Amino acid sequence: MKTTLLSLAALPLALAVPKVTPIPLGSTTCVHWPSWIPTRDADTTGSLMFSVSSADDTAVNNLPAQPFSLPWGSSTRNLLGITLLASRSFAKAYYRCQNGRPTVLSNPDEPIAIAKDANNAHLLIAANDATAYKPEIYSHEIEGVKQDGVFLGALNHTTWGFHYHEATCGADGKANSAFYEVKLLGLPVDPDNEPTAGYPPQFEGFLKVDAW
């Protein structure tokens, strides 16, 4: 019995994602985003990072979102996934809000958007507005009490599902490190973007927006 208890104690702690009420912080400008730069000449922020928060699998909390390519039918889908490389020693892509929407910091022409596919609402890079929603930011309340942090979502949904993908080497010869696929849960079906088949989430959590 003692050995069993010790083995259980060594397992990562799994907690249910808290039940929160998302409170919209405004979606037309960058004013409420972390690291907003107050200037008359631009609507922008400093460097931002999106990272996992309050996940069922606590071992992935604080891991950052980074660009990956996911095989998608006969092509690939450029999206943000959760990297396992948490250390600041590894080079990272950063983000910023510009004119009310998040972009890749190194290339403001690559806006980040959330796919309208209700089963696969990935964080897409450089998607067109016909197939993707503009991400929004929210605060969270639990039983009327405001929680710390700013969280990414859309249409009053802020819970994300995660699914692990092992490292792969694509037909183009490019390697993909292991990562967690991440997609927004609970979105309504968009009549112009029918849901497609996809992996079910292995666990759930939030994506927190931090100044970096």
Protein backbone atom coordinates (compact mmCIF):
# COMPACT_ATOMS: atom_id res chain seq x y z
CA MET A 1 0.00 0.00 0.00
CA LYS A 2 2.81 2.41 0.89
CA THR A 3 4.48 1.79 -2.51
CA THR A 4 1.19 2.47 -4.32
CA LEU A 5 0.66 5.73 -2.46
CA LEU A 6 4.19 6.88 -3.22
CA SER A 7 3.69 6.06 -6.91
CA LEU A 8 0.47 8.04 -7.01
CA ALA A 9 2.13 10.98 -5.28
CA ALA A 10 4.75 11.08 -8.04
CA LEU A 11 2.16 11.53 -10.79
CA PRO A 12 1.55 15.06 -12.17
CA LEU A 13 -1.37 16.71 -10.42
CA ALA A 14 -4.51 16.84 -12.60
CA LEU A 15 -7.07 19.49 -11.74
CA ALA A 16 -10.30 20.41 -13.48
CA VAL A 17 -10.25 23.66 -15.45
CA PRO A 18 -12.02 26.24 -13.28
CA LYS A 19 -15.54 27.29 -14.32
CA VAL A 20 -15.17 30.93 -15.24
CA THR A 21 -17.30 33.71 -16.69
CA PRO A 22 -15.40 35.41 -19.55
CA ILE A 23 -15.69 39.22 -19.45
CA PRO A 24 -14.88 40.91 -22.81
CA LEU A 25 -12.20 43.60 -22.57
CA GLY A 26 -12.88 45.24 -25.93
CA SER A 27 -11.93 44.08 -29.40
CA THR A 28 -11.62 47.18 -31.57
CA THR A 29 -8.29 48.54 -30.25
CA CYS A 30 -5.22 47.33 -28.35
CA VAL A 31 -5.89 49.52 -25.29
CA HIS A 32 -6.76 46.62 -22.97
CA TRP A 33 -4.02 44.29 -24.14
CA PRO A 34 -0.98 43.86 -21.86
CA SER A 35 1.97 46.11 -22.72
CA TRP A 36 -0.17 48.67 -24.59
CA ILE A 37 1.91 51.65 -25.75
CA PRO A 38 0.00 54.93 -25.23
CA THR A 39 0.77 57.00 -28.31
CA ARG A 40 -1.26 59.11 -30.73
CA ASP A 41 0.53 57.72 -33.76
CA ALA A 42 -0.18 53.99 -33.48
CA ASP A 43 -2.46 51.43 -31.85
CA THR A 44 0.06 48.83 -30.71
CA THR A 45 1.63 46.96 -27.81
CA GLY A 46 5.09 45.77 -26.89
CA SER A 47 6.11 42.11 -27.13
CA LEU A 48 3.52 39.55 -26.00
CA MET A 49 3.47 35.81 -25.36
CA PHE A 50 0.54 33.39 -25.21
CA SER A 51 0.99 30.59 -22.68
CA VAL A 52 -1.03 27.76 -21.15
CA SER A 53 -2.84 28.53 -17.89
CA SER A 54 -5.00 26.49 -15.45
CA ALA A 55 -4.79 23.31 -17.57
CA ASP A 56 -6.16 19.94 -16.48
CA ASP A 57 -2.61 18.67 -17.00
CA THR A 58 -0.66 21.02 -14.75
CA ALA A 59 2.68 19.96 -16.29
CA VAL A 60 1.96 22.09 -19.38
CA ASN A 61 1.06 25.29 -17.53
CA ASN A 62 3.22 28.24 -18.66
CA LEU A 63 4.39 26.51 -21.86
CA PRO A 64 4.33 29.08 -24.71
CA ALA A 65 2.49 29.06 -28.04
CA GLN A 66 4.77 28.96 -31.09
CA PRO A 67 4.35 28.62 -34.88
CA PHE A 68 4.05 25.08 -36.27
CA SER A 69 2.86 23.43 -39.47
CA LEU A 70 0.18 20.75 -39.18
CA PRO A 71 -0.51 18.35 -42.10
CA TRP A 72 -4.00 19.26 -43.31
CA GLY A 73 -5.51 17.19 -46.09
CA SER A 74 -3.26 17.55 -49.12
CA SER A 75 -1.55 20.65 -47.71
CA THR A 76 -0.41 22.07 -44.37
CA ARG A 77 -1.99 24.47 -41.91
CA ASN A 78 0.24 27.17 -40.40
CA LEU A 79 -0.86 27.66 -36.81
CA LEU A 80 0.19 28.23 -33.23
CA GLY A 81 0.78 25.16 -31.09
CA ILE A 82 2.24 24.69 -27.63
CA THR A 83 5.98 24.01 -27.64
CA LEU A 84 7.62 21.81 -25.02
CA LEU A 85 10.67 24.12 -24.99
CA ALA A 86 9.86 26.43 -22.10
CA SER A 87 13.37 27.74 -21.39
CA ARG A 88 14.18 31.28 -22.50
CA SER A 89 17.46 29.82 -23.83
CA PHE A 90 15.52 28.68 -26.91
CA ALA A 91 14.66 31.27 -29.57
CA LYS A 92 10.96 32.13 -29.54
CA ALA A 93 8.50 33.89 -31.80
CA TYR A 94 6.73 36.77 -30.05
CA TYR A 95 3.49 38.57 -30.79
CA ARG A 96 1.93 41.99 -30.50
CA CYS A 97 -1.46 43.60 -30.82
CA GLN A 98 -1.63 46.03 -33.72
CA ASN A 99 -4.77 47.94 -34.70
CA GLY A 100 -6.91 45.76 -32.48
CA ARG A 101 -5.67 42.33 -33.53
CA PRO A 102 -2.72 40.08 -32.66
CA THR A 103 0.09 39.56 -35.16
CA VAL A 104 3.45 37.84 -35.29
CA LEU A 105 5.88 40.46 -33.93
CA SER A 106 8.49 39.90 -36.63
CA ASN A 107 5.92 40.18 -39.42
CA PRO A 108 2.88 42.43 -38.85
CA ASP A 109 1.48 41.20 -42.18
CA GLU A 110 0.83 37.82 -40.51
CA PRO A 111 -2.25 38.39 -38.34
CA ILE A 112 -3.31 35.62 -35.99
CA ALA A 113 -6.90 34.42 -36.27
CA ILE A 114 -9.12 31.61 -34.95
CA ALA A 115 -10.49 29.16 -37.52
CA LYS A 116 -14.29 29.19 -37.88
CA ASP A 117 -14.25 25.38 -38.08
CA ALA A 118 -16.05 24.57 -34.81
CA ASN A 119 -14.22 21.23 -34.46
CA ASN A 120 -10.79 22.63 -35.29
CA ALA A 121 -10.75 26.25 -34.15
CA HIS A 122 -6.97 26.55 -34.35
CA LEU A 123 -4.95 29.73 -33.94
CA LEU A 124 -4.07 30.30 -37.58
CA ILE A 125 -1.28 32.43 -38.99
CA ALA A 126 -2.21 34.75 -41.88
CA ALA A 127 -5.71 33.30 -42.37
CA ASN A 128 -8.35 35.19 -44.30
CA ASP A 129 -11.32 36.77 -42.55
CA ALA A 130 -13.85 34.60 -44.41
CA THR A 131 -12.57 31.48 -42.64
CA ALA A 132 -11.41 32.84 -39.28
CA TYR A 133 -12.50 35.01 -36.34
CA LYS A 134 -10.44 37.85 -34.94
CA PRO A 135 -9.14 36.79 -31.49
CA GLU A 136 -10.48 38.74 -28.51
CA ILE A 137 -9.23 39.22 -24.97
CA TYR A 138 -11.15 38.57 -21.75
CA SER A 139 -10.79 38.74 -18.02
CA HIS A 140 -12.19 35.87 -15.95
CA GLU A 141 -14.60 35.93 -13.03
CA ILE A 142 -15.37 33.05 -10.68
CA GLU A 143 -18.61 33.54 -8.74
CA GLY A 144 -18.37 37.29 -9.33
CA VAL A 145 -14.73 37.58 -8.25
CA LYS A 146 -12.32 38.88 -10.89
CA GLN A 147 -9.28 36.65 -11.47
CA ASP A 148 -5.78 37.78 -12.36
CA GLY A 149 -4.77 37.77 -16.00
CA VAL A 150 -5.89 38.47 -19.57
CA PHE A 151 -7.03 35.50 -21.67
CA LEU A 152 -7.39 34.78 -25.37
CA GLY A 153 -10.67 33.64 -26.91
CA ALA A 154 -13.55 34.55 -29.22
CA LEU A 155 -17.35 34.86 -29.06
CA ASN A 156 -17.26 34.66 -25.23
CA HIS A 157 -15.38 31.34 -25.23
CA THR A 158 -11.94 31.08 -23.60
CA THR A 159 -11.46 27.34 -22.94
CA TRP A 160 -8.98 25.60 -25.24
CA GLY A 161 -8.46 21.90 -25.95
CA PHE A 162 -4.99 20.37 -26.30
CA HIS A 163 -3.77 17.26 -28.14
CA TYR A 164 -0.18 16.00 -28.25
CA HIS A 165 1.59 15.47 -31.60
CA GLU A 166 4.89 13.62 -31.79
CA ALA A 167 7.82 15.00 -33.79
CA THR A 168 7.45 14.43 -37.54
CA CYS A 169 9.32 14.96 -40.78
CA GLY A 170 7.10 16.15 -43.61
CA ALA A 171 7.22 15.24 -47.29
CA ASP A 172 8.96 18.57 -47.91
CA GLY A 173 11.82 17.45 -45.67
CA LYS A 174 11.04 19.96 -42.93
CA ALA A 175 11.03 18.65 -39.37
CA ASN A 176 8.35 19.50 -36.83
CA SER A 177 9.21 19.23 -33.15
CA ALA A 178 6.72 17.58 -30.81
CA PHE A 179 3.97 20.00 -29.80
CA TYR A 180 0.44 20.29 -28.45
CA GLU A 181 -2.25 21.14 -30.97
CA VAL A 182 -4.54 23.77 -29.43
CA LYS A 183 -8.06 24.76 -30.47
CA LEU A 184 -10.82 26.90 -29.01
CA LEU A 185 -13.77 24.89 -27.68
CA GLY A 186 -17.48 25.65 -27.72
CA LEU A 187 -17.73 27.80 -30.84
CA PRO A 188 -21.02 27.65 -32.78
CA VAL A 189 -21.13 26.01 -36.19
CA ASP A 190 -20.54 28.60 -38.91
CA PRO A 191 -22.81 27.83 -41.90
CA ASP A 192 -20.10 28.86 -44.37
CA ASN A 193 -17.37 26.80 -42.67
CA GLU A 194 -18.63 23.29 -41.96
CA PRO A 195 -16.83 21.44 -39.13
CA THR A 196 -14.17 18.95 -40.19
CA ALA A 197 -12.91 15.81 -38.46
CA GLY A 198 -10.18 16.34 -35.89
CA TYR A 199 -8.49 14.94 -32.82
CA PRO A 200 -10.48 15.15 -29.57
CA PRO A 201 -8.76 17.16 -26.82
CA GLN A 202 -6.73 15.18 -24.29
CA PHE A 203 -7.12 17.96 -21.73
CA GLU A 204 -8.36 21.56 -21.48
CA GLY A 205 -7.06 24.90 -20.25
CA PHE A 206 -6.78 28.61 -21.01
CA LEU A 207 -4.34 30.72 -23.03
CA LYS A 208 -3.02 33.65 -21.04
CA VAL A 209 -1.69 36.82 -22.70
CA ASP A 210 1.40 38.27 -21.02
CA ALA A 211 3.79 41.13 -21.70
CA TRP A 212 7.15 39.57 -22.50
